[in-house]
Amino acid sequence: MGGASPYVMIKWVENTIVTARARFSSAAGDHPSDCRLKMKFKSSIGMLIFLAVTGCGDYSMPPQKIVADGRTYYACKDYVLIQRSTLNGSSDYSVTLTTAAGKEVKLTNIKRLKAEALPSRISAPMPSPLPNPESDRDDDGELFKNGWTYDWPGGKSATLRDGKWFPVMVANPVCNTKR
């Protein structure tokens, strides 16, 4: 179940408990050894719950900027898993992330960690100065049209609505595979 969210893991444990109870109830009788079976069952369920809760790290969604011991990584796909362990009073981290190219990266024994959520979409740069929509013309010599999105060199773009220019939302370039 590695990679499953804590919610999914807890649901799995709950379903396992319900299934095990149903099987145990139908098999159990009034035999003296049934009491020991019940105790083992309860201990096993307790251990399952403990492992499910403590075995989970901090799952989060990309895109994220991860700075691990001074090196920068960008998590762009799937999920980001951050786990912390403490030995001899010293904390260290392990991180699992997937890059824009789809490569899974596992970092271990990290002493300094900073994870920063990034927006998945950002405003594309707009040209400066912006053309006057009432008097300036587009590349075809036509007046700018309401509701249209226009592109300029250098990745700049804007949408004209009600006579005003608005930014165009584009995918965050930090997760562009062509970088």
Protein backbone atom coordinates (compact mmCIF):
# COMPACT_ATOMS: atom_id res chain seq x y z
CA MET A 1 0.00 0.00 0.00
CA GLY A 2 3.03 2.27 -0.33
CA GLY A 3 2.05 5.57 -1.88
CA ALA A 4 -1.54 5.43 -0.62
CA SER A 5 -2.88 8.46 1.20
CA PRO A 6 -3.46 8.28 4.97
CA TYR A 7 -7.23 8.38 4.33
CA VAL A 8 -7.02 5.38 1.99
CA MET A 9 -4.86 3.47 4.49
CA ILE A 10 -7.30 4.13 7.37
CA LYS A 11 -10.25 3.01 5.19
CA TRP A 12 -8.32 -0.17 4.32
CA VAL A 13 -7.74 -0.89 8.02
CA GLU A 14 -11.42 -0.27 8.81
CA ASN A 15 -12.52 -2.64 6.02
CA THR A 16 -10.02 -5.25 7.21
CA ILE A 17 -11.42 -5.01 10.75
CA VAL A 18 -15.02 -5.42 9.55
CA THR A 19 -14.08 -8.40 7.36
CA ALA A 20 -12.02 -10.03 10.11
CA ARG A 21 -14.83 -9.53 12.67
CA ALA A 22 -17.35 -11.15 10.35
CA ARG A 23 -15.06 -14.14 9.75
CA PHE A 24 -14.14 -14.41 13.44
CA SER A 25 -17.76 -14.21 14.61
CA SER A 26 -18.89 -16.99 12.29
CA ALA A 27 -15.97 -19.24 13.32
CA ALA A 28 -15.99 -18.56 17.05
CA GLY A 29 -17.87 -20.77 19.50
CA ASP A 30 -17.86 -21.17 23.24
CA HIS A 31 -14.57 -23.05 23.36
CA PRO A 32 -12.02 -21.78 25.99
CA SER A 33 -9.42 -21.13 23.31
CA ASP A 34 -11.82 -18.63 21.68
CA CYS A 35 -10.96 -16.13 24.42
CA ARG A 36 -7.27 -16.30 23.50
CA LEU A 37 -8.17 -15.91 19.81
CA LYS A 38 -10.17 -12.79 20.64
CA MET A 39 -7.20 -11.31 22.53
CA LYS A 40 -4.81 -12.09 19.64
CA PHE A 41 -7.33 -10.61 17.22
CA LYS A 42 -7.62 -7.39 19.25
CA SER A 43 -3.81 -7.15 19.56
CA SER A 44 -3.41 -7.67 15.81
CA ILE A 45 -5.99 -5.00 15.02
CA GLY A 46 -4.31 -2.59 17.42
CA MET A 47 -0.94 -3.21 15.75
CA LEU A 48 -2.48 -2.71 12.28
CA ILE A 49 -3.97 0.62 13.32
CA PHE A 50 -0.69 1.72 14.93
CA LEU A 51 1.31 0.83 11.80
CA ALA A 52 -1.21 2.48 9.48
CA VAL A 53 -1.14 5.75 11.42
CA THR A 54 2.55 5.95 12.28
CA GLY A 55 3.77 4.58 8.96
CA CYS A 56 2.29 7.50 7.09
CA GLY A 57 4.39 10.45 6.15
CA ASP A 58 3.20 13.85 5.05
CA TYR A 59 1.64 13.46 1.60
CA SER A 60 1.06 16.56 -0.48
CA MET A 61 0.30 17.42 -4.06
CA PRO A 62 2.65 19.03 -6.57
CA PRO A 63 3.86 21.33 -7.85
CA GLN A 64 6.30 21.95 -5.03
CA LYS A 65 9.75 23.37 -4.64
CA ILE A 66 11.85 21.13 -2.39
CA VAL A 67 15.15 22.41 -1.01
CA ALA A 68 17.00 19.47 0.56
CA ASP A 69 20.39 20.20 2.14
CA GLY A 70 20.85 23.17 -0.21
CA ARG A 71 19.87 21.37 -3.46
CA THR A 72 16.65 22.38 -5.21
CA TYR A 73 14.18 19.92 -6.73
CA TYR A 74 10.79 20.50 -8.34
CA ALA A 75 8.03 17.97 -7.72
CA CYS A 76 5.63 18.15 -10.65
CA LYS A 77 3.68 14.89 -10.89
CA ASP A 78 1.94 12.29 -8.72
CA TYR A 79 2.48 13.19 -5.06
CA VAL A 80 5.19 14.30 -2.64
CA LEU A 81 5.90 12.15 0.41
CA ILE A 82 7.93 13.63 3.26
CA GLN A 83 8.87 11.39 6.18
CA ARG A 84 10.68 12.49 9.32
CA SER A 85 12.65 10.24 11.64
CA THR A 86 14.44 11.08 14.86
CA LEU A 87 17.46 9.14 16.03
CA ASN A 88 19.64 10.15 18.99
CA GLY A 89 17.82 13.49 19.22
CA SER A 90 18.68 14.41 15.63
CA SER A 91 15.99 14.64 12.96
CA ASP A 92 16.45 13.64 9.38
CA TYR A 93 14.02 13.45 6.48
CA SER A 94 13.35 11.37 3.43
CA VAL A 95 11.43 12.70 0.43
CA THR A 96 9.88 10.94 -2.55
CA LEU A 97 8.89 13.11 -5.50
CA THR A 98 8.32 12.88 -9.25
CA THR A 99 9.94 15.37 -11.63
CA ALA A 100 8.34 17.00 -14.69
CA ALA A 101 10.01 14.34 -16.85
CA GLY A 102 8.24 11.62 -14.82
CA LYS A 103 11.38 10.43 -12.99
CA GLU A 104 10.79 9.34 -9.39
CA VAL A 105 13.41 10.78 -7.03
CA LYS A 106 14.00 9.41 -3.53
CA LEU A 107 16.08 11.57 -1.21
CA THR A 108 17.27 10.18 2.13
CA ASN A 109 19.25 11.32 5.18
CA ILE A 110 18.28 14.96 4.64
CA LYS A 111 19.23 17.24 7.53
CA ARG A 112 17.74 20.55 6.27
CA LEU A 113 14.47 20.52 4.37
CA LYS A 114 12.16 23.21 3.05
CA ALA A 115 9.04 22.34 1.02
CA GLU A 116 7.09 25.13 -0.64
CA ALA A 117 3.79 24.67 -2.49
CA LEU A 118 3.76 26.33 -5.89
CA PRO A 119 0.73 27.39 -7.93
CA SER A 120 -0.09 25.01 -10.79
CA ARG A 121 -1.17 27.93 -12.99
CA ILE A 122 0.24 31.45 -13.15
CA SER A 123 -0.44 34.62 -15.12
CA ALA A 124 1.47 34.80 -18.38
CA PRO A 125 3.48 38.02 -18.74
CA MET A 126 1.59 40.79 -20.53
CA PRO A 127 3.19 43.14 -23.04
CA SER A 128 4.18 46.58 -21.85
CA PRO A 129 2.84 48.95 -22.84
CA LEU A 130 -0.47 47.27 -23.65
CA PRO A 131 -2.04 48.27 -26.96
CA ASN A 132 -5.03 50.60 -26.90
CA PRO A 133 -7.96 48.32 -27.82
CA GLU A 134 -9.92 51.23 -29.31
CA SER A 135 -7.29 52.54 -31.70
CA ASP A 136 -4.41 50.05 -32.07
CA ARG A 137 -4.56 47.12 -34.49
CA ASP A 138 -3.45 43.49 -34.38
CA ASP A 139 -0.92 41.84 -36.74
CA ASP A 140 -3.63 41.43 -39.38
CA GLY A 141 -4.43 45.15 -39.35
CA GLU A 142 -7.76 44.58 -37.58
CA LEU A 143 -8.99 46.28 -34.43
CA PHE A 144 -8.59 44.13 -31.33
CA LYS A 145 -11.73 42.04 -30.68
CA ASN A 146 -13.48 41.56 -27.36
CA GLY A 147 -13.17 38.01 -25.99
CA TRP A 148 -10.07 37.17 -28.01
CA THR A 149 -6.71 36.18 -26.55
CA TYR A 150 -3.65 37.67 -28.25
CA ASP A 151 -0.06 36.43 -28.12
CA TRP A 152 3.10 38.54 -28.46
CA PRO A 153 6.75 37.49 -28.78
CA GLY A 154 8.49 36.25 -25.64
CA GLY A 155 5.53 34.23 -24.34
CA LYS A 156 3.48 37.32 -23.56
CA SER A 157 -0.29 37.19 -23.93
CA ALA A 158 -3.49 38.91 -22.81
CA THR A 159 -7.25 38.59 -23.26
CA LEU A 160 -9.45 41.54 -24.17
CA ARG A 161 -12.74 41.67 -22.23
CA ASP A 162 -15.09 44.63 -22.13
CA GLY A 163 -12.39 46.90 -23.54
CA LYS A 164 -9.81 45.95 -20.87
CA TRP A 165 -6.78 43.66 -21.02
CA PHE A 166 -6.59 40.69 -18.62
CA PRO A 167 -3.75 38.22 -18.00
CA VAL A 168 -3.95 34.71 -19.41
CA MET A 169 -3.48 31.82 -17.01
CA VAL A 170 -0.86 29.28 -18.15
CA ALA A 171 0.72 26.16 -16.65
CA ASN A 172 3.51 26.95 -14.22
CA PRO A 173 6.70 26.80 -16.33
CA VAL A 174 8.67 25.29 -13.44
CA CYS A 175 7.05 21.97 -14.41
CA ASN A 176 7.60 22.38 -18.13
CA THR A 177 9.37 19.29 -19.46
CA LYS A 178 11.18 21.42 -22.07
CA ARG A 179 13.21 23.30 -19.44
